PDB file of N, CA and C in Angstrom:
ATOM      1  N   UNK A   1       0.834  -1.203   0.000  1.00  0.00           N
ATOM      2  CA  UNK A   1       0.000   0.000   0.000  1.00  0.00           C
ATOM      3  C   UNK A   1       0.871   1.257   0.000  1.00  0.00           C
ATOM      4  N   UNK A   2       1.942   1.248   0.788  1.00  0.00           N
ATOM      5  CA  UNK A   2       2.825   2.406   0.836  1.00  0.00           C
ATOM      6  C   UNK A   2       3.488   2.636  -0.518  1.00  0.00           C
ATOM      7  N   UNK A   3       3.843   1.542  -1.210  1.00  0.00           N
ATOM      8  CA  UNK A   3       4.471   1.676  -2.520  1.00  0.00           C
ATOM      9  C   UNK A   3       3.533   2.357  -3.512  1.00  0.00           C
ATOM     10  N   UNK A   4       2.261   1.994  -3.477  1.00  0.00           N
ATOM     11  CA  UNK A   4       1.276   2.618  -4.367  1.00  0.00           C
ATOM     12  C   UNK A   4       1.129   4.095  -4.033  1.00  0.00           C
ATOM     13  N   UNK A   5       1.060   4.417  -2.750  1.00  0.00           N
ATOM     14  CA  UNK A   5       0.944   5.811  -2.332  1.00  0.00           C
ATOM     15  C   UNK A   5       2.160   6.614  -2.776  1.00  0.00           C
ATOM     16  N   UNK A   6       3.358   6.030  -2.676  1.00  0.00           N
ATOM     17  CA  UNK A   6       4.570   6.719  -3.118  1.00  0.00           C
ATOM     18  C   UNK A   6       4.548   6.992  -4.615  1.00  0.00           C
ATOM     19  N   UNK A   7       4.116   6.009  -5.384  1.00  0.00           N
ATOM     20  CA  UNK A   7       4.035   6.179  -6.836  1.00  0.00           C
ATOM     21  C   UNK A   7       3.027   7.271  -7.186  1.00  0.00           C
ATOM     22  N   UNK A   8       1.873   7.246  -6.532  1.00  0.00           N
ATOM     23  CA  UNK A   8       0.859   8.261  -6.807  1.00  0.00           C
ATOM     24  C   UNK A   8       1.344   9.655  -6.436  1.00  0.00           C
ATOM     25  N   UNK A   9       2.103   9.750  -5.364  1.00  0.00           N
ATOM     26  CA  UNK A   9       2.623  11.050  -4.930  1.00  0.00           C
ATOM     27  C   UNK A   9       3.639  11.589  -5.941  1.00  0.00           C
ATOM     28  N   UNK A  10       4.478  10.717  -6.460  1.00  0.00           N
ATOM     29  CA  UNK A  10       5.521  11.129  -7.393  1.00  0.00           C
ATOM     30  C   UNK A  10       4.983  11.423  -8.786  1.00  0.00           C
ATOM     31  N   UNK A  11       3.885  10.815  -9.161  1.00  0.00           N
ATOM     32  CA  UNK A  11       3.356  10.969 -10.513  1.00  0.00           C
ATOM     33  C   UNK A  11       1.944  11.523 -10.467  1.00  0.00           C
ATOM     34  N   UNK A  12       1.792  12.817 -10.740  1.00  0.00           N
ATOM     35  CA  UNK A  12       0.454  13.405 -10.694  1.00  0.00           C
ATOM     36  C   UNK A  12      -0.409  13.022 -11.903  1.00  0.00           C
ATOM     37  N   UNK A  13       0.196  12.390 -12.891  1.00  0.00           N
ATOM     38  CA  UNK A  13      -0.531  12.050 -14.113  1.00  0.00           C
ATOM     39  C   UNK A  13      -1.268  10.726 -13.958  1.00  0.00           C
ATOM     40  N   UNK A  14      -2.442  10.669 -14.564  1.00  0.00           N
ATOM     41  CA  UNK A  14      -3.188   9.410 -14.575  1.00  0.00           C
ATOM     42  C   UNK A  14      -2.576   8.481 -15.610  1.00  0.00           C
ATOM     43  N   UNK A  15      -2.610   7.214 -15.323  1.00  0.00           N
ATOM     44  CA  UNK A  15      -2.178   6.222 -16.282  1.00  0.00           C
ATOM     45  C   UNK A  15      -3.377   5.341 -16.615  1.00  0.00           C
ATOM     46  N   UNK A  16      -3.597   5.144 -17.886  1.00  0.00           N
ATOM     47  CA  UNK A  16      -4.685   4.272 -18.323  1.00  0.00           C
ATOM     48  C   UNK A  16      -4.077   3.033 -18.953  1.00  0.00           C
ATOM     49  N   UNK A  17      -4.542   1.883 -18.511  1.00  0.00           N
ATOM     50  CA  UNK A  17      -4.065   0.610 -19.038  1.00  0.00           C
ATOM     51  C   UNK A  17      -5.276  -0.140 -19.567  1.00  0.00           C
ATOM     52  N   UNK A  18      -5.230  -0.541 -20.808  1.00  0.00           N
ATOM     53  CA  UNK A  18      -6.315  -1.320 -21.405  1.00  0.00           C
ATOM     54  C   UNK A  18      -5.971  -2.793 -21.374  1.00  0.00           C
ATOM     55  N   UNK A  19      -6.951  -3.599 -21.049  1.00  0.00           N
ATOM     56  CA  UNK A  19      -6.773  -5.051 -21.068  1.00  0.00           C
ATOM     57  C   UNK A  19      -7.778  -5.585 -22.088  1.00  0.00           C
ATOM     58  N   UNK A  20      -7.253  -6.064 -23.200  1.00  0.00           N
ATOM     59  CA  UNK A  20      -8.098  -6.506 -24.309  1.00  0.00           C
ATOM     60  C   UNK A  20      -7.841  -7.970 -24.609  1.00  0.00           C
ATOM     61  N   UNK A  21      -8.850  -8.630 -25.124  1.00  0.00           N
ATOM     62  CA  UNK A  21      -8.680 -10.023 -25.509  1.00  0.00           C
ATOM     63  C   UNK A  21     -10.013 -10.656 -25.870  1.00  0.00           C
ATOM     64  N   UNK A  22      -9.941 -11.856 -26.371  1.00  0.00           N
ATOM     65  CA  UNK A  22     -11.146 -12.581 -26.766  1.00  0.00           C
ATOM     66  C   UNK A  22     -12.018 -12.900 -25.558  1.00  0.00           C
ATOM     67  N   UNK A  23     -13.280 -13.164 -25.811  1.00  0.00           N
ATOM     68  CA  UNK A  23     -14.209 -13.563 -24.763  1.00  0.00           C
ATOM     69  C   UNK A  23     -13.700 -14.830 -24.083  1.00  0.00           C
ATOM     70  N   UNK A  24     -13.682 -14.804 -22.765  1.00  0.00           N
ATOM     71  CA  UNK A  24     -13.260 -15.977 -22.009  1.00  0.00           C
ATOM     72  C   UNK A  24     -11.757 -16.173 -21.943  1.00  0.00           C
ATOM     73  N   UNK A  25     -10.970 -15.180 -22.374  1.00  0.00           N
ATOM     74  CA  UNK A  25      -9.511 -15.330 -22.392  1.00  0.00           C
ATOM     75  C   UNK A  25      -8.885 -15.195 -21.013  1.00  0.00           C
ATOM     76  N   UNK A  26      -9.614 -14.622 -20.044  1.00  0.00           N
ATOM     77  CA  UNK A  26      -9.091 -14.511 -18.686  1.00  0.00           C
ATOM     78  C   UNK A  26      -8.721 -13.097 -18.268  1.00  0.00           C
ATOM     79  N   UNK A  27      -9.265 -12.099 -18.942  1.00  0.00           N
ATOM     80  CA  UNK A  27      -8.964 -10.697 -18.592  1.00  0.00           C
ATOM     81  C   UNK A  27      -9.422 -10.368 -17.177  1.00  0.00           C
ATOM     82  N   UNK A  28     -10.639 -10.732 -16.830  1.00  0.00           N
ATOM     83  CA  UNK A  28     -11.150 -10.458 -15.485  1.00  0.00           C
ATOM     84  C   UNK A  28     -10.373 -11.249 -14.435  1.00  0.00           C
ATOM     85  N   UNK A  29     -10.028 -12.481 -14.745  1.00  0.00           N
ATOM     86  CA  UNK A  29      -9.234 -13.295 -13.810  1.00  0.00           C
ATOM     87  C   UNK A  29      -7.867 -12.652 -13.582  1.00  0.00           C
ATOM     88  N   UNK A  30      -7.252 -12.136 -14.640  1.00  0.00           N
ATOM     89  CA  UNK A  30      -5.964 -11.460 -14.512  1.00  0.00           C
ATOM     90  C   UNK A  30      -6.076 -10.240 -13.607  1.00  0.00           C
ATOM     91  N   UNK A  31      -7.092  -9.409 -13.842  1.00  0.00           N
ATOM     92  CA  UNK A  31      -7.268  -8.209 -13.019  1.00  0.00           C
ATOM     93  C   UNK A  31      -7.553  -8.564 -11.562  1.00  0.00           C
ATOM     94  N   UNK A  32      -8.382  -9.581 -11.332  1.00  0.00           N
ATOM     95  CA  UNK A  32      -8.632 -10.029  -9.954  1.00  0.00           C
ATOM     96  C   UNK A  32      -7.325 -10.480  -9.290  1.00  0.00           C
ATOM     97  N   UNK A  33      -6.483 -11.198 -10.037  1.00  0.00           N
ATOM     98  CA  UNK A  33      -5.214 -11.667  -9.479  1.00  0.00           C
ATOM     99  C   UNK A  33      -4.292 -10.486  -9.171  1.00  0.00           C
ATOM    100  N   UNK A  34      -4.239  -9.505 -10.068  1.00  0.00           N
ATOM    101  CA  UNK A  34      -3.392  -8.337  -9.827  1.00  0.00           C
ATOM    102  C   UNK A  34      -3.865  -7.546  -8.613  1.00  0.00           C
ATOM    103  N   UNK A  35      -5.179  -7.533  -8.386  1.00  0.00           N
ATOM    104  CA  UNK A  35      -5.735  -6.835  -7.229  1.00  0.00           C
ATOM    105  C   UNK A  35      -5.665  -7.677  -5.960  1.00  0.00           C
ATOM    106  N   UNK A  36      -5.241  -8.928  -6.096  1.00  0.00           N
ATOM    107  CA  UNK A  36      -5.177  -9.870  -4.978  1.00  0.00           C
ATOM    108  C   UNK A  36      -6.554 -10.054  -4.344  1.00  0.00           C
ATOM    109  N   UNK A  37      -7.552 -10.158  -5.210  1.00  0.00           N
ATOM    110  CA  UNK A  37      -8.938 -10.361  -4.791  1.00  0.00           C
ATOM    111  C   UNK A  37      -9.522 -11.516  -5.598  1.00  0.00           C
ATOM    112  N   UNK A  38     -10.458 -12.225  -5.029  1.00  0.00           N
ATOM    113  CA  UNK A  38     -11.050 -13.364  -5.720  1.00  0.00           C
ATOM    114  C   UNK A  38     -12.143 -12.961  -6.700  1.00  0.00           C
ATOM    115  N   UNK A  39     -12.895 -11.919  -6.378  1.00  0.00           N
ATOM    116  CA  UNK A  39     -14.063 -11.663  -7.223  1.00  0.00           C
ATOM    117  C   UNK A  39     -14.475 -10.198  -7.300  1.00  0.00           C
ATOM    118  N   UNK A  40     -13.521  -9.291  -7.519  1.00  0.00           N
ATOM    119  CA  UNK A  40     -13.918  -7.909  -7.789  1.00  0.00           C
ATOM    120  C   UNK A  40     -14.677  -7.888  -9.111  1.00  0.00           C
ATOM    121  N   UNK A  41     -14.150  -8.616 -10.084  1.00  0.00           N
ATOM    122  CA  UNK A  41     -14.829  -8.773 -11.371  1.00  0.00           C
ATOM    123  C   UNK A  41     -15.347 -10.205 -11.473  1.00  0.00           C
ATOM    124  N   UNK A  42     -16.530 -10.402 -12.044  1.00  0.00           N
ATOM    125  CA  UNK A  42     -17.072 -11.760 -12.166  1.00  0.00           C
ATOM    126  C   UNK A  42     -16.256 -12.588 -13.152  1.00  0.00           C
ATOM    127  N   UNK A  43     -16.107 -13.868 -12.849  1.00  0.00           N
ATOM    128  CA  UNK A  43     -15.386 -14.785 -13.738  1.00  0.00           C
ATOM    129  C   UNK A  43     -16.153 -16.091 -13.843  1.00  0.00           C
ATOM    130  N   UNK A  44     -15.828 -16.840 -14.898  1.00  0.00           N
ATOM    131  CA  UNK A  44     -16.422 -18.152 -15.105  1.00  0.00           C
ATOM    132  C   UNK A  44     -15.344 -19.055 -15.680  1.00  0.00           C
ATOM    133  N   UNK A  45     -15.287 -20.291 -15.226  1.00  0.00           N
ATOM    134  CA  UNK A  45     -14.285 -21.205 -15.745  1.00  0.00           C
ATOM    135  C   UNK A  45     -14.549 -21.684 -17.150  1.00  0.00           C
ATOM    136  N   UNK A  46     -15.772 -21.537 -17.635  1.00  0.00           N
ATOM    137  CA  UNK A  46     -16.101 -22.110 -18.940  1.00  0.00           C
ATOM    138  C   UNK A  46     -16.411 -21.093 -20.025  1.00  0.00           C
ATOM    139  N   UNK A  47     -16.784 -19.858 -19.645  1.00  0.00           N
ATOM    140  CA  UNK A  47     -17.129 -18.876 -20.676  1.00  0.00           C
ATOM    141  C   UNK A  47     -16.908 -17.474 -20.124  1.00  0.00           C
ATOM    142  N   UNK A  48     -16.876 -16.507 -21.034  1.00  0.00           N
ATOM    143  CA  UNK A  48     -16.742 -15.121 -20.608  1.00  0.00           C
ATOM    144  C   UNK A  48     -18.028 -14.642 -19.955  1.00  0.00           C
ATOM    145  N   UNK A  49     -17.919 -13.751 -18.974  1.00  0.00           N
ATOM    146  CA  UNK A  49     -19.151 -13.324 -18.312  1.00  0.00           C
ATOM    147  C   UNK A  49     -19.175 -11.845 -17.939  1.00  0.00           C
ATOM    148  N   UNK A  50     -18.118 -11.067 -18.235  1.00  0.00           N
ATOM    149  CA  UNK A  50     -18.168  -9.640 -17.916  1.00  0.00           C
ATOM    150  C   UNK A  50     -19.066  -8.924 -18.914  1.00  0.00           C
ATOM    151  N   UNK A  51     -18.837  -9.118 -20.216  1.00  0.00           N
ATOM    152  CA  UNK A  51     -19.701  -8.642 -21.304  1.00  0.00           C
ATOM    153  C   UNK A  51     -20.001  -7.151 -21.266  1.00  0.00           C
ATOM    154  N   UNK A  52     -19.104  -6.365 -20.734  1.00  0.00           N
ATOM    155  CA  UNK A  52     -19.285  -4.914 -20.700  1.00  0.00           C
ATOM    156  C   UNK A  52     -17.929  -4.258 -20.471  1.00  0.00           C
ATOM    157  N   UNK A  53     -17.838  -3.019 -20.889  1.00  0.00           N
ATOM    158  CA  UNK A  53     -16.618  -2.270 -20.610  1.00  0.00           C
ATOM    159  C   UNK A  53     -16.598  -1.950 -19.116  1.00  0.00           C
ATOM    160  N   UNK A  54     -15.490  -2.218 -18.475  1.00  0.00           N
ATOM    161  CA  UNK A  54     -15.353  -1.999 -17.037  1.00  0.00           C
ATOM    162  C   UNK A  54     -14.155  -1.090 -16.818  1.00  0.00           C
ATOM    163  N   UNK A  55     -14.330  -0.106 -15.954  1.00  0.00           N
ATOM    164  CA  UNK A  55     -13.231   0.791 -15.601  1.00  0.00           C
ATOM    165  C   UNK A  55     -12.928   0.627 -14.118  1.00  0.00           C
ATOM    166  N   UNK A  56     -11.689   0.349 -13.808  1.00  0.00           N
ATOM    167  CA  UNK A  56     -11.252   0.213 -12.421  1.00  0.00           C
ATOM    168  C   UNK A  56     -10.290   1.346 -12.128  1.00  0.00           C
ATOM    169  N   UNK A  57     -10.424   1.958 -10.957  1.00  0.00           N
ATOM    170  CA  UNK A  57      -9.523   3.040 -10.545  1.00  0.00           C
ATOM    171  C   UNK A  57      -9.093   2.828  -9.117  1.00  0.00           C
ATOM    172  N   UNK A  58      -7.831   3.117  -8.846  1.00  0.00           N
ATOM    173  CA  UNK A  58      -7.340   3.045  -7.477  1.00  0.00           C
ATOM    174  C   UNK A  58      -7.779   4.311  -6.750  1.00  0.00           C
ATOM    175  N   UNK A  59      -8.288   4.150  -5.540  1.00  0.00           N
ATOM    176  CA  UNK A  59      -8.711   5.297  -4.740  1.00  0.00           C
ATOM    177  C   UNK A  59      -8.370   4.995  -3.288  1.00  0.00           C
ATOM    178  N   UNK A  60      -7.251   5.535  -2.842  1.00  0.00           N
ATOM    179  CA  UNK A  60      -6.800   5.241  -1.478  1.00  0.00           C
ATOM    180  C   UNK A  60      -7.753   5.790  -0.419  1.00  0.00           C
ATOM    181  N   UNK A  61      -8.591   6.759  -0.776  1.00  0.00           N
ATOM    182  CA  UNK A  61      -9.527   7.324   0.193  1.00  0.00           C
ATOM    183  C   UNK A  61     -10.628   6.346   0.589  1.00  0.00           C
ATOM    184  N   UNK A  62     -10.790   5.269  -0.166  1.00  0.00           N
ATOM    185  CA  UNK A  62     -11.838   4.297   0.138  1.00  0.00           C
ATOM    186  C   UNK A  62     -11.379   3.226   1.119  1.00  0.00           C
ATOM    187  N   UNK A  63     -10.117   3.258   1.539  1.00  0.00           N
ATOM    188  CA  UNK A  63      -9.660   2.273   2.517  1.00  0.00           C
ATOM    189  C   UNK A  63     -10.214   2.639   3.891  1.00  0.00           C
ATOM    190  N   UNK A  64     -10.538   1.639   4.651  1.00  0.00           N
ATOM    191  CA  UNK A  64     -11.068   1.879   5.999  1.00  0.00           C
ATOM    192  C   UNK A  64     -10.466   0.876   6.970  1.00  0.00           C
ATOM    193  N   UNK A  65     -10.521   1.182   8.224  1.00  0.00           N
ATOM    194  CA  UNK A  65      -9.935   0.310   9.243  1.00  0.00           C
ATOM    195  C   UNK A  65     -10.962  -0.709   9.722  1.00  0.00           C
ATOM    196  N   UNK A  66     -10.492  -1.936   9.966  1.00  0.00           N
ATOM    197  CA  UNK A  66     -11.364  -2.952  10.550  1.00  0.00           C
ATOM    198  C   UNK A  66     -11.261  -2.897  12.073  1.00  0.00           C
ATOM    199  N   UNK A  67     -11.824  -3.884  12.771  1.00  0.00           N
ATOM    200  CA  UNK A  67     -11.838  -3.876  14.237  1.00  0.00           C
ATOM    201  C   UNK A  67     -10.437  -3.905  14.836  1.00  0.00           C
ATOM    202  N   UNK A  68      -9.480  -4.494  14.102  1.00  0.00           N
ATOM    203  CA  UNK A  68      -8.109  -4.601  14.606  1.00  0.00           C
ATOM    204  C   UNK A  68      -7.278  -3.357  14.301  1.00  0.00           C
ATOM    205  N   UNK A  69      -7.892  -2.360  13.639  1.00  0.00           N
ATOM    206  CA  UNK A  69      -7.159  -1.151  13.270  1.00  0.00           C
ATOM    207  C   UNK A  69      -6.369  -1.283  11.982  1.00  0.00           C
ATOM    208  N   UNK A  70      -6.495  -2.433  11.308  1.00  0.00           N
ATOM    209  CA  UNK A  70      -5.791  -2.641  10.039  1.00  0.00           C
ATOM    210  C   UNK A  70      -6.623  -2.082   8.893  1.00  0.00           C
ATOM    211  N   UNK A  71      -5.931  -1.490   7.909  1.00  0.00           N
ATOM    212  CA  UNK A  71      -6.658  -0.968   6.758  1.00  0.00           C
ATOM    213  C   UNK A  71      -7.075  -2.122   5.859  1.00  0.00           C
ATOM    214  N   UNK A  72      -8.309  -2.090   5.423  1.00  0.00           N
ATOM    215  CA  UNK A  72      -8.830  -3.090   4.503  1.00  0.00           C
ATOM    216  C   UNK A  72      -9.412  -2.363   3.296  1.00  0.00           C
ATOM    217  N   UNK A  73      -9.315  -2.972   2.115  1.00  0.00           N
ATOM    218  CA  UNK A  73      -9.847  -2.294   0.934  1.00  0.00           C
ATOM    219  C   UNK A  73     -11.368  -2.229   0.973  1.00  0.00           C
ATOM    220  N   UNK A  74     -11.887  -1.155   0.488  1.00  0.00           N
ATOM    221  CA  UNK A  74     -13.328  -0.950   0.378  1.00  0.00           C
ATOM    222  C   UNK A  74     -13.600  -0.570  -1.069  1.00  0.00           C
ATOM    223  N   UNK A  75     -14.638  -1.105  -1.660  1.00  0.00           N
ATOM    224  CA  UNK A  75     -14.912  -0.876  -3.072  1.00  0.00           C
ATOM    225  C   UNK A  75     -16.215  -0.119  -3.249  1.00  0.00           C
ATOM    226  N   UNK A  76     -16.250   0.684  -4.283  1.00  0.00           N
ATOM    227  CA  UNK A  76     -17.453   1.423  -4.631  1.00  0.00           C
ATOM    228  C   UNK A  76     -17.726   1.182  -6.102  1.00  0.00           C
ATOM    229  N   UNK A  77     -18.966   0.996  -6.457  1.00  0.00           N
ATOM    230  CA  UNK A  77     -19.334   0.799  -7.854  1.00  0.00           C
ATOM    231  C   UNK A  77     -20.228   1.920  -8.345  1.00  0.00           C
ATOM    232  N   UNK A  78     -19.919   2.414  -9.523  1.00  0.00           N
ATOM    233  CA  UNK A  78     -20.771   3.389 -10.197  1.00  0.00           C
ATOM    234  C   UNK A  78     -21.303   2.722 -11.450  1.00  0.00           C
ATOM    235  N   UNK A  79     -22.593   2.774 -11.635  1.00  0.00           N
ATOM    236  CA  UNK A  79     -23.230   2.121 -12.772  1.00  0.00           C
ATOM    237  C   UNK A  79     -23.848   3.182 -13.662  1.00  0.00           C
ATOM    238  N   UNK A  80     -23.569   3.080 -14.953  1.00  0.00           N
ATOM    239  CA  UNK A  80     -24.182   3.986 -15.919  1.00  0.00           C
ATOM    240  C   UNK A  80     -25.196   3.191 -16.734  1.00  0.00           C
ATOM    241  N   UNK A  81     -26.401   3.675 -16.779  1.00  0.00           N
ATOM    242  CA  UNK A  81     -27.435   3.029 -17.575  1.00  0.00           C
ATOM    243  C   UNK A  81     -27.529   3.713 -18.932  1.00  0.00           C
ATOM    244  N   UNK A  82     -27.934   2.957 -19.939  1.00  0.00           N
ATOM    245  CA  UNK A  82     -28.128   3.543 -21.251  1.00  0.00           C
ATOM    246  C   UNK A  82     -29.626   3.679 -21.513  1.00  0.00           C
ATOM    247  N   UNK A  83     -29.947   4.552 -22.443  1.00  0.00           N
ATOM    248  CA  UNK A  83     -31.354   4.773 -22.776  1.00  0.00           C
ATOM    249  C   UNK A  83     -31.878   3.601 -23.600  1.00  0.00           C
ATOM    250  N   UNK A  84     -33.189   3.521 -23.727  1.00  0.00           N
ATOM    251  CA  UNK A  84     -33.804   2.467 -24.535  1.00  0.00           C
ATOM    252  C   UNK A  84     -33.339   2.569 -25.983  1.00  0.00           C
ATOM    253  N   UNK A  85     -33.205   3.788 -26.494  1.00  0.00           N
ATOM    254  CA  UNK A  85     -32.764   3.986 -27.878  1.00  0.00           C
ATOM    255  C   UNK A  85     -31.327   3.482 -28.062  1.00  0.00           C
ATOM    256  N   UNK A  86     -30.448   3.781 -27.080  1.00  0.00           N
ATOM    257  CA  UNK A  86     -29.067   3.294 -27.159  1.00  0.00           C
ATOM    258  C   UNK A  86     -29.028   1.778 -27.098  1.00  0.00           C
ATOM    259  N   UNK A  87     -29.873   1.209 -26.248  1.00  0.00           N
ATOM    260  CA  UNK A  87     -29.924  -0.248 -26.119  1.00  0.00           C
ATOM    261  C   UNK A  87     -30.385  -0.890 -27.426  1.00  0.00           C
ATOM    262  N   UNK A  88     -31.425  -0.340 -28.040  1.00  0.00           N
ATOM    263  CA  UNK A  88     -31.923  -0.876 -29.314  1.00  0.00           C
ATOM    264  C   UNK A  88     -30.859  -0.784 -30.394  1.00  0.00           C
ATOM    265  N   UNK A  89     -30.129   0.329 -30.433  1.00  0.00           N
ATOM    266  CA  UNK A  89     -29.059   0.494 -31.416  1.00  0.00           C
ATOM    267  C   UNK A  89     -27.958  -0.533 -31.199  1.00  0.00           C
ATOM    268  N   UNK A  90     -27.553  -0.728 -29.954  1.00  0.00           N
ATOM    269  CA  UNK A  90     -26.512  -1.705 -29.622  1.00  0.00           C
ATOM    270  C   UNK A  90     -26.979  -3.119 -29.949  1.00  0.00           C
ATOM    271  N   UNK A  91     -28.228  -3.423 -29.642  1.00  0.00           N
ATOM    272  CA  UNK A  91     -28.785  -4.743 -29.937  1.00  0.00           C
ATOM    273  C   UNK A  91     -28.779  -5.017 -31.434  1.00  0.00           C
ATOM    274  N   UNK A  92     -29.126  -4.011 -32.232  1.00  0.00           N
ATOM    275  CA  UNK A  92     -29.120  -4.168 -33.690  1.00  0.00           C
ATOM    276  C   UNK A  92     -27.718  -4.493 -34.187  1.00  0.00           C
ATOM    277  N   UNK A  93     -26.716  -3.786 -33.688  1.00  0.00           N
ATOM    278  CA  UNK A  93     -25.331  -4.052 -34.089  1.00  0.00           C
ATOM    279  C   UNK A  93     -24.938  -5.479 -33.716  1.00  0.00           C
ATOM    280  N   UNK A  94     -25.258  -5.906 -32.488  1.00  0.00           N
ATOM    281  CA  UNK A  94     -24.917  -7.250 -32.047  1.00  0.00           C
ATOM    282  C   UNK A  94     -25.614  -8.327 -32.879  1.00  0.00           C
ATOM    283  N   UNK A  95     -26.889  -8.118 -33.180  1.00  0.00           N
ATOM    284  CA  UNK A  95     -27.631  -9.087 -33.985  1.00  0.00           C
ATOM    285  C   UNK A  95     -27.077  -9.149 -35.417  1.00  0.00           C
ATOM    286  N   UNK A  96     -26.724  -7.974 -35.963  1.00  0.00           N
ATOM    287  CA  UNK A  96     -26.120  -7.953 -37.300  1.00  0.00           C
ATOM    288  C   UNK A  96     -24.809  -8.715 -37.320  1.00  0.00           C
ATOM    289  N   UNK A  97     -23.985  -8.546 -36.280  1.00  0.00           N
ATOM    290  CA  UNK A  97     -22.714  -9.247 -36.208  1.00  0.00           C
ATOM    291  C   UNK A  97     -22.909 -10.756 -36.086  1.00  0.00           C
ATOM    292  N   UNK A  98     -23.935 -11.159 -35.343  1.00  0.00           N
ATOM    293  CA  UNK A  98     -24.186 -12.596 -35.151  1.00  0.00           C
ATOM    294  C   UNK A  98     -24.737 -13.259 -36.414  1.00  0.00           C
ATOM    295  N   UNK A  99     -25.409 -12.489 -37.241  1.00  0.00           N
ATOM    296  CA  UNK A  99     -26.054 -13.090 -38.416  1.00  0.00           C
ATOM    297  C   UNK A  99     -25.193 -13.020 -39.670  1.00  0.00           C
ATOM    298  N   UNK A 100     -23.991 -12.466 -39.582  1.00  0.00           N
ATOM    299  CA  UNK A 100     -23.144 -12.408 -40.783  1.00  0.00           C
ATOM    300  C   UNK A 100     -22.039 -13.412 -40.723  1.00  0.00           C
TER     301      UNK A 100
END
């Protein structure tokens, strides 16, 4: 944790890292392993299951102390919904891709 705080202090710039790959390739499993967490992102042993663009950000302000006074990670999720028109447009693209 201290190493991350030191890096953030030294570098005021945001860094964006993209993780791309085929469905079911293990992108979510990789990110969970890097975070040292079992299930921040959903995974499946047999097929892909995230099926959406996901953005993860480090936020040291979300850490909180447990009963022993040790800091434990705390997570917050923000969900963006799309309109019915956006959903219909996306569905049309997906159906077109599946039928060609």
